[in-house]
Amino acid sequence: MRLNAELRRSAPVFAALGDETRLLLVSRLATGESLSIRRLADGAGVTRQAVTKHLHVLEEAGLAHSSRLGREQIWELNRRQLEEARRSIELIGRQWDAALLRLKDSLEKEVP
């Protein structure tokens, strides 16, 4: 099956979100607040070093970006990339709905 360009671009996003810790980090960043690694690690159940590694995976997928504020690295969510992934899921949902409708129509034609 050939994926269209939008679905192909979203694949790294879904791969990055497939990890529970990264999903938690995205959830925290989704509040709109810029957060330091220290604040992101608080209550996450992993070390700051692990949080940093997960943040870099999110960054590679285009989901997050960082900037420097003094000695701290501050992270923010890239909402545009999440919006693109949402559109991909909606596209898949529409395709699924169309396939189910075709199946329903086909089955109803077979009933005497």
PDB file of N, CA and C in Angstrom:
ATOM      1  N   MET A   1       0.846  -1.176   0.000  1.00  0.00           N
ATOM      2  CA  MET A   1       0.000   0.000   0.000  1.00  0.00           C
ATOM      3  C   MET A   1       0.891   1.238   0.000  1.00  0.00           C
ATOM      4  N   ARG A   2       0.614   2.127  -0.917  1.00  0.00           N
ATOM      5  CA  ARG A   2       1.392   3.365  -0.999  1.00  0.00           C
ATOM      6  C   ARG A   2       0.735   4.424  -0.127  1.00  0.00           C
ATOM      7  N   LEU A   3       1.556   5.049   0.711  1.00  0.00           N
ATOM      8  CA  LEU A   3       1.041   6.109   1.566  1.00  0.00           C
ATOM      9  C   LEU A   3       1.163   7.435   0.857  1.00  0.00           C
ATOM     10  N   ASN A   4       0.176   8.289   1.055  1.00  0.00           N
ATOM     11  CA  ASN A   4       0.315   9.613   0.462  1.00  0.00           C
ATOM     12  C   ASN A   4       1.328  10.411   1.276  1.00  0.00           C
ATOM     13  N   ALA A   5       1.725  11.553   0.776  1.00  0.00           N
ATOM     14  CA  ALA A   5       2.810  12.330   1.392  1.00  0.00           C
ATOM     15  C   ALA A   5       2.487  12.752   2.817  1.00  0.00           C
ATOM     16  N   GLU A   6       1.245  13.112   3.077  1.00  0.00           N
ATOM     17  CA  GLU A   6       0.883  13.562   4.433  1.00  0.00           C
ATOM     18  C   GLU A   6       1.015  12.431   5.445  1.00  0.00           C
ATOM     19  N   LEU A   7       0.559  11.250   5.078  1.00  0.00           N
ATOM     20  CA  LEU A   7       0.686  10.106   5.980  1.00  0.00           C
ATOM     21  C   LEU A   7       2.151   9.748   6.203  1.00  0.00           C
ATOM     22  N   ARG A   8       2.932   9.818   5.156  1.00  0.00           N
ATOM     23  CA  ARG A   8       4.354   9.495   5.264  1.00  0.00           C
ATOM     24  C   ARG A   8       5.060  10.463   6.212  1.00  0.00           C
ATOM     25  N   ARG A   9       4.699  11.754   6.127  1.00  0.00           N
ATOM     26  CA  ARG A   9       5.316  12.750   7.020  1.00  0.00           C
ATOM     27  C   ARG A   9       4.923  12.544   8.476  1.00  0.00           C
ATOM     28  N   SER A  10       3.757  11.963   8.695  1.00  0.00           N
ATOM     29  CA  SER A  10       3.273  11.767  10.060  1.00  0.00           C
ATOM     30  C   SER A  10       3.834  10.516  10.720  1.00  0.00           C
ATOM     31  N   ALA A  11       4.405   9.609   9.972  1.00  0.00           N
ATOM     32  CA  ALA A  11       4.900   8.354  10.536  1.00  0.00           C
ATOM     33  C   ALA A  11       5.884   8.564  11.686  1.00  0.00           C
ATOM     34  N   PRO A  12       6.881   9.452  11.571  1.00  0.00           N
ATOM     35  CA  PRO A  12       7.795   9.655  12.705  1.00  0.00           C
ATOM     36  C   PRO A  12       7.086  10.194  13.948  1.00  0.00           C
ATOM     37  N   VAL A  13       6.040  10.969  13.743  1.00  0.00           N
ATOM     38  CA  VAL A  13       5.274  11.509  14.872  1.00  0.00           C
ATOM     39  C   VAL A  13       4.608  10.364  15.623  1.00  0.00           C
ATOM     40  N   PHE A  14       3.953   9.471  14.894  1.00  0.00           N
ATOM     41  CA  PHE A  14       3.276   8.354  15.549  1.00  0.00           C
ATOM     42  C   PHE A  14       4.284   7.426  16.221  1.00  0.00           C
ATOM     43  N   ALA A  15       5.436   7.238  15.609  1.00  0.00           N
ATOM     44  CA  ALA A  15       6.469   6.408  16.228  1.00  0.00           C
ATOM     45  C   ALA A  15       6.948   7.041  17.534  1.00  0.00           C
ATOM     46  N   ALA A  16       7.141   8.356  17.530  1.00  0.00           N
ATOM     47  CA  ALA A  16       7.600   9.046  18.734  1.00  0.00           C
ATOM     48  C   ALA A  16       6.542   9.001  19.830  1.00  0.00           C
ATOM     49  N   LEU A  17       5.273   9.111  19.456  1.00  0.00           N
ATOM     50  CA  LEU A  17       4.192   9.112  20.440  1.00  0.00           C
ATOM     51  C   LEU A  17       3.871   7.714  20.957  1.00  0.00           C
ATOM     52  N   GLY A  18       4.489   6.705  20.371  1.00  0.00           N
ATOM     53  CA  GLY A  18       4.242   5.329  20.787  1.00  0.00           C
ATOM     54  C   GLY A  18       4.895   4.949  22.096  1.00  0.00           C
ATOM     55  N   ASP A  19       5.634   5.856  22.694  1.00  0.00           N
ATOM     56  CA  ASP A  19       6.298   5.590  23.963  1.00  0.00           C
ATOM     57  C   ASP A  19       5.556   6.326  25.079  1.00  0.00           C
ATOM     58  N   GLU A  20       5.289   5.645  26.176  1.00  0.00           N
ATOM     59  CA  GLU A  20       4.512   6.210  27.284  1.00  0.00           C
ATOM     60  C   GLU A  20       5.165   7.466  27.873  1.00  0.00           C
ATOM     61  N   THR A  21       6.483   7.449  28.038  1.00  0.00           N
ATOM     62  CA  THR A  21       7.174   8.612  28.609  1.00  0.00           C
ATOM     63  C   THR A  21       7.092   9.797  27.672  1.00  0.00           C
ATOM     64  N   ARG A  22       7.295   9.566  26.379  1.00  0.00           N
ATOM     65  CA  ARG A  22       7.222  10.673  25.417  1.00  0.00           C
ATOM     66  C   ARG A  22       5.805  11.224  25.328  1.00  0.00           C
ATOM     67  N   LEU A  23       4.828  10.349  25.410  1.00  0.00           N
ATOM     68  CA  LEU A  23       3.437  10.799  25.402  1.00  0.00           C
ATOM     69  C   LEU A  23       3.158  11.678  26.623  1.00  0.00           C
ATOM     70  N   LEU A  24       3.696  11.306  27.773  1.00  0.00           N
ATOM     71  CA  LEU A  24       3.559  12.122  28.981  1.00  0.00           C
ATOM     72  C   LEU A  24       4.225  13.488  28.787  1.00  0.00           C
ATOM     73  N   LEU A  25       5.409  13.506  28.198  1.00  0.00           N
ATOM     74  CA  LEU A  25       6.106  14.776  27.960  1.00  0.00           C
ATOM     75  C   LEU A  25       5.315  15.670  27.014  1.00  0.00           C
ATOM     76  N   VAL A  26       4.756  15.088  25.966  1.00  0.00           N
ATOM     77  CA  VAL A  26       3.929  15.871  25.030  1.00  0.00           C
ATOM     78  C   VAL A  26       2.715  16.427  25.758  1.00  0.00           C
ATOM     79  N   SER A  27       2.125  15.613  26.599  1.00  0.00           N
ATOM     80  CA  SER A  27       0.959  16.062  27.365  1.00  0.00           C
ATOM     81  C   SER A  27       1.314  17.254  28.251  1.00  0.00           C
ATOM     82  N   ARG A  28       2.461  17.191  28.886  1.00  0.00           N
ATOM     83  CA  ARG A  28       2.889  18.306  29.737  1.00  0.00           C
ATOM     84  C   ARG A  28       3.195  19.554  28.919  1.00  0.00           C
ATOM     85  N   LEU A  29       3.810  19.367  27.774  1.00  0.00           N
ATOM     86  CA  LEU A  29       4.131  20.511  26.920  1.00  0.00           C
ATOM     87  C   LEU A  29       2.879  21.087  26.262  1.00  0.00           C
ATOM     88  N   ALA A  30       1.840  20.281  26.135  1.00  0.00           N
ATOM     89  CA  ALA A  30       0.608  20.729  25.475  1.00  0.00           C
ATOM     90  C   ALA A  30      -0.142  21.780  26.290  1.00  0.00           C
ATOM     91  N   THR A  31       0.270  21.997  27.521  1.00  0.00           N
ATOM     92  CA  THR A  31      -0.375  23.050  28.320  1.00  0.00           C
ATOM     93  C   THR A  31      -0.042  24.426  27.772  1.00  0.00           C
ATOM     94  N   GLY A  32       0.952  24.496  26.904  1.00  0.00           N
ATOM     95  CA  GLY A  32       1.344  25.771  26.309  1.00  0.00           C
ATOM     96  C   GLY A  32       2.491  26.449  27.035  1.00  0.00           C
ATOM     97  N   GLU A  33       2.846  25.905  28.173  1.00  0.00           N
ATOM     98  CA  GLU A  33       3.930  26.476  28.963  1.00  0.00           C
ATOM     99  C   GLU A  33       5.276  25.918  28.488  1.00  0.00           C
ATOM    100  N   SER A  34       6.274  26.775  28.385  1.00  0.00           N
ATOM    101  CA  SER A  34       7.634  26.327  28.093  1.00  0.00           C
ATOM    102  C   SER A  34       8.204  25.738  29.374  1.00  0.00           C
ATOM    103  N   LEU A  35       8.806  24.548  29.268  1.00  0.00           N
ATOM    104  CA  LEU A  35       9.259  23.859  30.473  1.00  0.00           C
ATOM    105  C   LEU A  35      10.717  23.434  30.374  1.00  0.00           C
ATOM    106  N   SER A  36      11.399  23.516  31.496  1.00  0.00           N
ATOM    107  CA  SER A  36      12.785  23.054  31.577  1.00  0.00           C
ATOM    108  C   SER A  36      12.800  21.532  31.723  1.00  0.00           C
ATOM    109  N   ILE A  37      13.950  20.951  31.474  1.00  0.00           N
ATOM    110  CA  ILE A  37      14.102  19.508  31.631  1.00  0.00           C
ATOM    111  C   ILE A  37      13.831  19.121  33.080  1.00  0.00           C
ATOM    112  N   ARG A  38      14.270  19.927  34.014  1.00  0.00           N
ATOM    113  CA  ARG A  38      14.034  19.657  35.433  1.00  0.00           C
ATOM    114  C   ARG A  38      12.542  19.563  35.718  1.00  0.00           C
ATOM    115  N   ARG A  39      11.771  20.519  35.228  1.00  0.00           N
ATOM    116  CA  ARG A  39      10.321  20.505  35.468  1.00  0.00           C
ATOM    117  C   ARG A  39       9.634  19.358  34.738  1.00  0.00           C
ATOM    118  N   LEU A  40      10.119  19.040  33.550  1.00  0.00           N
ATOM    119  CA  LEU A  40       9.538  17.921  32.814  1.00  0.00           C
ATOM    120  C   LEU A  40       9.834  16.588  33.504  1.00  0.00           C
ATOM    121  N   ALA A  41      10.980  16.490  34.148  1.00  0.00           N
ATOM    122  CA  ALA A  41      11.366  15.241  34.815  1.00  0.00           C
ATOM    123  C   ALA A  41      10.635  15.048  36.137  1.00  0.00           C
ATOM    124  N   ASP A  42      10.190  16.130  36.773  1.00  0.00           N
ATOM    125  CA  ASP A  42       9.488  16.026  38.053  1.00  0.00           C
ATOM    126  C   ASP A  42       8.246  15.141  37.914  1.00  0.00           C
ATOM    127  N   GLY A  43       8.226  14.055  38.651  1.00  0.00           N
ATOM    128  CA  GLY A  43       7.073  13.160  38.652  1.00  0.00           C
ATOM    129  C   GLY A  43       6.961  12.263  37.430  1.00  0.00           C
ATOM    130  N   ALA A  44       7.940  12.323  36.537  1.00  0.00           N
ATOM    131  CA  ALA A  44       7.864  11.503  35.320  1.00  0.00           C
ATOM    132  C   ALA A  44       8.320  10.066  35.565  1.00  0.00           C
ATOM    133  N   GLY A  45       8.984   9.835  36.685  1.00  0.00           N
ATOM    134  CA  GLY A  45       9.444   8.483  36.991  1.00  0.00           C
ATOM    135  C   GLY A  45      10.694   8.072  36.246  1.00  0.00           C
ATOM    136  N   VAL A  46      11.353   9.032  35.598  1.00  0.00           N
ATOM    137  CA  VAL A  46      12.609   8.760  34.906  1.00  0.00           C
ATOM    138  C   VAL A  46      13.596   9.880  35.231  1.00  0.00           C
ATOM    139  N   THR A  47      14.855   9.640  34.961  1.00  0.00           N
ATOM    140  CA  THR A  47      15.897  10.618  35.255  1.00  0.00           C
ATOM    141  C   THR A  47      15.848  11.777  34.263  1.00  0.00           C
ATOM    142  N   ARG A  48      16.510  12.849  34.615  1.00  0.00           N
ATOM    143  CA  ARG A  48      16.614  13.988  33.693  1.00  0.00           C
ATOM    144  C   ARG A  48      17.317  13.570  32.409  1.00  0.00           C
ATOM    145  N   GLN A  49      18.318  12.711  32.560  1.00  0.00           N
ATOM    146  CA  GLN A  49      19.040  12.231  31.374  1.00  0.00           C
ATOM    147  C   GLN A  49      18.087  11.475  30.439  1.00  0.00           C
ATOM    148  N   ALA A  50      17.219  10.645  31.005  1.00  0.00           N
ATOM    149  CA  ALA A  50      16.255   9.910  30.191  1.00  0.00           C
ATOM    150  C   ALA A  50      15.254  10.871  29.543  1.00  0.00           C
ATOM    151  N   VAL A  51      14.808  11.868  30.306  1.00  0.00           N
ATOM    152  CA  VAL A  51      13.892  12.869  29.753  1.00  0.00           C
ATOM    153  C   VAL A  51      14.554  13.578  28.584  1.00  0.00           C
ATOM    154  N   THR A  52      15.821  13.932  28.732  1.00  0.00           N
ATOM    155  CA  THR A  52      16.556  14.602  27.660  1.00  0.00           C
ATOM    156  C   THR A  52      16.583  13.735  26.402  1.00  0.00           C
ATOM    157  N   LYS A  53      16.852  12.450  26.559  1.00  0.00           N
ATOM    158  CA  LYS A  53      16.877  11.542  25.402  1.00  0.00           C
ATOM    159  C   LYS A  53      15.506  11.480  24.729  1.00  0.00           C
ATOM    160  N   HIS A  54      14.453  11.391  25.534  1.00  0.00           N
ATOM    161  CA  HIS A  54      13.103  11.348  24.968  1.00  0.00           C
ATOM    162  C   HIS A  54      12.757  12.657  24.255  1.00  0.00           C
ATOM    163  N   LEU A  55      13.182  13.770  24.834  1.00  0.00           N
ATOM    164  CA  LEU A  55      12.924  15.064  24.198  1.00  0.00           C
ATOM    165  C   LEU A  55      13.620  15.166  22.842  1.00  0.00           C
ATOM    166  N   HIS A  56      14.797  14.594  22.737  1.00  0.00           N
ATOM    167  CA  HIS A  56      15.502  14.624  21.457  1.00  0.00           C
ATOM    168  C   HIS A  56      14.793  13.765  20.412  1.00  0.00           C
ATOM    169  N   VAL A  57      14.176  12.674  20.838  1.00  0.00           N
ATOM    170  CA  VAL A  57      13.374  11.871  19.914  1.00  0.00           C
ATOM    171  C   VAL A  57      12.179  12.696  19.431  1.00  0.00           C
ATOM    172  N   LEU A  58      11.523  13.398  20.369  1.00  0.00           N
ATOM    173  CA  LEU A  58      10.405  14.267  19.995  1.00  0.00           C
ATOM    174  C   LEU A  58      10.856  15.377  19.056  1.00  0.00           C
ATOM    175  N   GLU A  59      12.045  15.896  19.301  1.00  0.00           N
ATOM    176  CA  GLU A  59      12.581  16.955  18.443  1.00  0.00           C
ATOM    177  C   GLU A  59      12.843  16.429  17.030  1.00  0.00           C
ATOM    178  N   GLU A  60      13.407  15.239  16.933  1.00  0.00           N
ATOM    179  CA  GLU A  60      13.682  14.644  15.618  1.00  0.00           C
ATOM    180  C   GLU A  60      12.390  14.399  14.838  1.00  0.00           C
ATOM    181  N   ALA A  61      11.304  14.112  15.560  1.00  0.00           N
ATOM    182  CA  ALA A  61      10.007  13.892  14.913  1.00  0.00           C
ATOM    183  C   ALA A  61       9.299  15.203  14.619  1.00  0.00           C
ATOM    184  N   GLY A  62       9.896  16.314  15.035  1.00  0.00           N
ATOM    185  CA  GLY A  62       9.302  17.621  14.783  1.00  0.00           C
ATOM    186  C   GLY A  62       8.240  18.025  15.781  1.00  0.00           C
ATOM    187  N   LEU A  63       8.140  17.291  16.890  1.00  0.00           N
ATOM    188  CA  LEU A  63       7.104  17.566  17.876  1.00  0.00           C
ATOM    189  C   LEU A  63       7.488  18.589  18.931  1.00  0.00           C
ATOM    190  N   ALA A  64       8.771  18.803  19.120  1.00  0.00           N
ATOM    191  CA  ALA A  64       9.226  19.727  20.164  1.00  0.00           C
ATOM    192  C   ALA A  64      10.481  20.437  19.695  1.00  0.00           C
ATOM    193  N   HIS A  65      10.731  21.584  20.301  1.00  0.00           N
ATOM    194  CA  HIS A  65      11.969  22.309  20.035  1.00  0.00           C
ATOM    195  C   HIS A  65      12.405  22.986  21.331  1.00  0.00           C
ATOM    196  N   SER A  66      13.677  23.297  21.382  1.00  0.00           N
ATOM    197  CA  SER A  66      14.211  23.884  22.609  1.00  0.00           C
ATOM    198  C   SER A  66      14.924  25.195  22.322  1.00  0.00           C
ATOM    199  N   SER A  67      15.093  25.938  23.390  1.00  0.00           N
ATOM    200  CA  SER A  67      15.892  27.163  23.340  1.00  0.00           C
ATOM    201  C   SER A  67      16.618  27.282  24.672  1.00  0.00           C
ATOM    202  N   ARG A  68      17.602  28.121  24.695  1.00  0.00           N
ATOM    203  CA  ARG A  68      18.384  28.315  25.913  1.00  0.00           C
ATOM    204  C   ARG A  68      17.859  29.509  26.679  1.00  0.00           C
ATOM    205  N   LEU A  69      17.751  29.354  27.987  1.00  0.00           N
ATOM    206  CA  LEU A  69      17.409  30.445  28.887  1.00  0.00           C
ATOM    207  C   LEU A  69      18.406  30.358  30.033  1.00  0.00           C
ATOM    208  N   GLY A  70      19.468  31.149  29.902  1.00  0.00           N
ATOM    209  CA  GLY A  70      20.553  31.035  30.880  1.00  0.00           C
ATOM    210  C   GLY A  70      21.232  29.692  30.722  1.00  0.00           C
ATOM    211  N   ARG A  71      21.300  28.958  31.815  1.00  0.00           N
ATOM    212  CA  ARG A  71      21.933  27.635  31.783  1.00  0.00           C
ATOM    213  C   ARG A  71      20.938  26.524  31.462  1.00  0.00           C
ATOM    214  N   GLU A  72      19.660  26.861  31.427  1.00  0.00           N
ATOM    215  CA  GLU A  72      18.647  25.832  31.223  1.00  0.00           C
ATOM    216  C   GLU A  72      18.221  25.744  29.765  1.00  0.00           C
ATOM    217  N   GLN A  73      17.850  24.547  29.399  1.00  0.00           N
ATOM    218  CA  GLN A  73      17.271  24.306  28.086  1.00  0.00           C
ATOM    219  C   GLN A  73      15.759  24.238  28.291  1.00  0.00           C
ATOM    220  N   ILE A  74      15.035  25.086  27.576  1.00  0.00           N
ATOM    221  CA  ILE A  74      13.592  25.192  27.717  1.00  0.00           C
ATOM    222  C   ILE A  74      12.934  24.555  26.492  1.00  0.00           C
ATOM    223  N   TRP A  75      11.910  23.742  26.740  1.00  0.00           N
ATOM    224  CA  TRP A  75      11.268  22.991  25.670  1.00  0.00           C
ATOM    225  C   TRP A  75       9.840  23.461  25.445  1.00  0.00           C
ATOM    226  N   GLU A  76       9.444  23.442  24.170  1.00  0.00           N
ATOM    227  CA  GLU A  76       8.086  23.804  23.765  1.00  0.00           C
ATOM    228  C   GLU A  76       7.581  22.783  22.754  1.00  0.00           C
ATOM    229  N   LEU A  77       6.279  22.661  22.693  1.00  0.00           N
ATOM    230  CA  LEU A  77       5.633  21.760  21.756  1.00  0.00           C
ATOM    231  C   LEU A  77       5.468  22.442  20.400  1.00  0.00           C
ATOM    232  N   ASN A  78       5.670  21.679  19.345  1.00  0.00           N
ATOM    233  CA  ASN A  78       5.417  22.164  17.992  1.00  0.00           C
ATOM    234  C   ASN A  78       4.011  21.704  17.609  1.00  0.00           C
ATOM    235  N   ARG A  79       3.044  22.563  17.824  1.00  0.00           N
ATOM    236  CA  ARG A  79       1.638  22.206  17.611  1.00  0.00           C
ATOM    237  C   ARG A  79       1.318  21.917  16.144  1.00  0.00           C
ATOM    238  N   ARG A  80       2.043  22.543  15.234  1.00  0.00           N
ATOM    239  CA  ARG A  80       1.780  22.321  13.806  1.00  0.00           C
ATOM    240  C   ARG A  80       1.973  20.852  13.439  1.00  0.00           C
ATOM    241  N   GLN A  81       2.982  20.239  13.999  1.00  0.00           N
ATOM    242  CA  GLN A  81       3.254  18.824  13.693  1.00  0.00           C
ATOM    243  C   GLN A  81       2.145  17.927  14.253  1.00  0.00           C
ATOM    244  N   LEU A  82       1.640  18.258  15.425  1.00  0.00           N
ATOM    245  CA  LEU A  82       0.520  17.497  15.987  1.00  0.00           C
ATOM    246  C   LEU A  82      -0.739  17.667  15.141  1.00  0.00           C
ATOM    247  N   GLU A  83      -0.937  18.871  14.647  1.00  0.00           N
ATOM    248  CA  GLU A  83      -2.097  19.135  13.791  1.00  0.00           C
ATOM    249  C   GLU A  83      -2.023  18.309  12.509  1.00  0.00           C
ATOM    250  N   GLU A  84      -0.824  18.198  11.942  1.00  0.00           N
ATOM    251  CA  GLU A  84      -0.637  17.376  10.746  1.00  0.00           C
ATOM    252  C   GLU A  84      -0.959  15.912  11.033  1.00  0.00           C
ATOM    253  N   ALA A  85      -0.525  15.423  12.190  1.00  0.00           N
ATOM    254  CA  ALA A  85      -0.809  14.040  12.578  1.00  0.00           C
ATOM    255  C   ALA A  85      -2.312  13.841  12.776  1.00  0.00           C
ATOM    256  N   ARG A  86      -2.980  14.837  13.360  1.00  0.00           N
ATOM    257  CA  ARG A  86      -4.429  14.757  13.545  1.00  0.00           C
ATOM    258  C   ARG A  86      -5.141  14.654  12.199  1.00  0.00           C
ATOM    259  N   ARG A  87      -4.677  15.443  11.227  1.00  0.00           N
ATOM    260  CA  ARG A  87      -5.275  15.375   9.893  1.00  0.00           C
ATOM    261  C   ARG A  87      -5.076  13.991   9.275  1.00  0.00           C
ATOM    262  N   SER A  88      -3.922  13.399   9.513  1.00  0.00           N
ATOM    263  CA  SER A  88      -3.655  12.058   8.990  1.00  0.00           C
ATOM    264  C   SER A  88      -4.611  11.049   9.596  1.00  0.00           C
ATOM    265  N   ILE A  89      -4.855  11.154  10.878  1.00  0.00           N
ATOM    266  CA  ILE A  89      -5.784  10.233  11.545  1.00  0.00           C
ATOM    267  C   ILE A  89      -7.197  10.438  11.003  1.00  0.00           C
ATOM    268  N   GLU A  90      -7.576  11.683  10.763  1.00  0.00           N
ATOM    269  CA  GLU A  90      -8.895  11.945  10.196  1.00  0.00           C
ATOM    270  C   GLU A  90      -9.011  11.343   8.800  1.00  0.00           C
ATOM    271  N   LEU A  91      -7.949  11.443   8.012  1.00  0.00           N
ATOM    272  CA  LEU A  91      -7.949  10.850   6.672  1.00  0.00           C
ATOM    273  C   LEU A  91      -8.132   9.340   6.762  1.00  0.00           C
ATOM    274  N   ILE A  92      -7.401   8.713   7.657  1.00  0.00           N
ATOM    275  CA  ILE A  92      -7.527   7.266   7.836  1.00  0.00           C
ATOM    276  C   ILE A  92      -8.944   6.928   8.295  1.00  0.00           C
ATOM    277  N   GLY A  93      -9.496   7.730   9.178  1.00  0.00           N
ATOM    278  CA  GLY A  93     -10.861   7.511   9.655  1.00  0.00           C
ATOM    279  C   GLY A  93     -11.878   7.601   8.525  1.00  0.00           C
ATOM    280  N   ARG A  94     -11.713   8.587   7.648  1.00  0.00           N
ATOM    281  CA  ARG A  94     -12.632   8.716   6.503  1.00  0.00           C
ATOM    282  C   ARG A  94     -12.502   7.518   5.563  1.00  0.00           C
ATOM    283  N   GLN A  95     -11.265   7.057   5.356  1.00  0.00           N
ATOM    284  CA  GLN A  95     -11.065   5.892   4.502  1.00  0.00           C
ATOM    285  C   GLN A  95     -11.709   4.649   5.120  1.00  0.00           C
ATOM    286  N   TRP A  96     -11.574   4.506   6.423  1.00  0.00           N
ATOM    287  CA  TRP A  96     -12.165   3.374   7.126  1.00  0.00           C
ATOM    288  C   TRP A  96     -13.695   3.432   7.037  1.00  0.00           C
ATOM    289  N   ASP A  97     -14.256   4.625   7.258  1.00  0.00           N
ATOM    290  CA  ASP A  97     -15.708   4.792   7.160  1.00  0.00           C
ATOM    291  C   ASP A  97     -16.200   4.431   5.761  1.00  0.00           C
ATOM    292  N   ALA A  98     -15.478   4.856   4.736  1.00  0.00           N
ATOM    293  CA  ALA A  98     -15.863   4.549   3.355  1.00  0.00           C
ATOM    294  C   ALA A  98     -15.790   3.044   3.100  1.00  0.00           C
ATOM    295  N   ALA A  99     -14.762   2.389   3.627  1.00  0.00           N
ATOM    296  CA  ALA A  99     -14.620   0.947   3.438  1.00  0.00           C
ATOM    297  C   ALA A  99     -15.761   0.211   4.135  1.00  0.00           C
ATOM    298  N   LEU A 100     -16.137   0.637   5.329  1.00  0.00           N
ATOM    299  CA  LEU A 100     -17.240  -0.001   6.042  1.00  0.00           C
ATOM    300  C   LEU A 100     -18.568   0.206   5.309  1.00  0.00           C
ATOM    301  N   LEU A 101     -18.747   1.386   4.734  1.00  0.00           N
ATOM    302  CA  LEU A 101     -19.961   1.661   3.972  1.00  0.00           C
ATOM    303  C   LEU A 101     -20.039   0.765   2.734  1.00  0.00           C
ATOM    304  N   ARG A 102     -18.900   0.592   2.060  1.00  0.00           N
ATOM    305  CA  ARG A 102     -18.876  -0.306   0.892  1.00  0.00           C
ATOM    306  C   ARG A 102     -19.201  -1.740   1.308  1.00  0.00           C
ATOM    307  N   LEU A 103     -18.664  -2.177   2.436  1.00  0.00           N
ATOM    308  CA  LEU A 103     -18.947  -3.520   2.933  1.00  0.00           C
ATOM    309  C   LEU A 103     -20.429  -3.660   3.267  1.00  0.00           C
ATOM    310  N   LYS A 104     -20.984  -2.678   3.944  1.00  0.00           N
ATOM    311  CA  LYS A 104     -22.412  -2.682   4.300  1.00  0.00           C
ATOM    312  C   LYS A 104     -23.269  -2.776   3.035  1.00  0.00           C
ATOM    313  N   ASP A 105     -22.959  -1.927   2.044  1.00  0.00           N
ATOM    314  CA  ASP A 105     -23.713  -1.937   0.790  1.00  0.00           C
ATOM    315  C   ASP A 105     -23.611  -3.298   0.105  1.00  0.00           C
ATOM    316  N   SER A 106     -22.434  -3.864   0.115  1.00  0.00           N
ATOM    317  CA  SER A 106     -22.215  -5.160  -0.522  1.00  0.00           C
ATOM    318  C   SER A 106     -23.018  -6.246   0.189  1.00  0.00           C
ATOM    319  N   LEU A 107     -23.011  -6.245   1.508  1.00  0.00           N
ATOM    320  CA  LEU A 107     -23.749  -7.245   2.259  1.00  0.00           C
ATOM    321  C   LEU A 107     -25.260  -7.081   2.107  1.00  0.00           C
ATOM    322  N   GLU A 108     -25.717  -5.861   2.038  1.00  0.00           N
ATOM    323  CA  GLU A 108     -27.155  -5.629   1.876  1.00  0.00           C
ATOM    324  C   GLU A 108     -27.644  -6.062   0.505  1.00  0.00           C
ATOM    325  N   LYS A 109     -26.774  -5.982  -0.499  1.00  0.00           N
ATOM    326  CA  LYS A 109     -27.162  -6.421  -1.846  1.00  0.00           C
ATOM    327  C   LYS A 109     -27.307  -7.939  -1.898  1.00  0.00           C
ATOM    328  N   GLU A 110     -26.587  -8.654  -1.044  1.00  0.00           N
ATOM    329  CA  GLU A 110     -26.632 -10.122  -1.052  1.00  0.00           C
ATOM    330  C   GLU A 110     -27.844 -10.667  -0.303  1.00  0.00           C
ATOM    331  N   VAL A 111     -28.446  -9.872   0.554  1.00  0.00           N
ATOM    332  CA  VAL A 111     -29.607 -10.329   1.330  1.00  0.00           C
ATOM    333  C   VAL A 111     -30.839 -10.345   0.416  1.00  0.00           C
ATOM    334  N   PRO A 112     -31.564 -11.500   0.353  1.00  0.00           N
ATOM    335  CA  PRO A 112     -32.735 -11.587  -0.541  1.00  0.00           C
ATOM    336  C   PRO A 112     -33.899 -10.762  -0.053  1.00  0.00           C
TER     337      PRO A 112
END
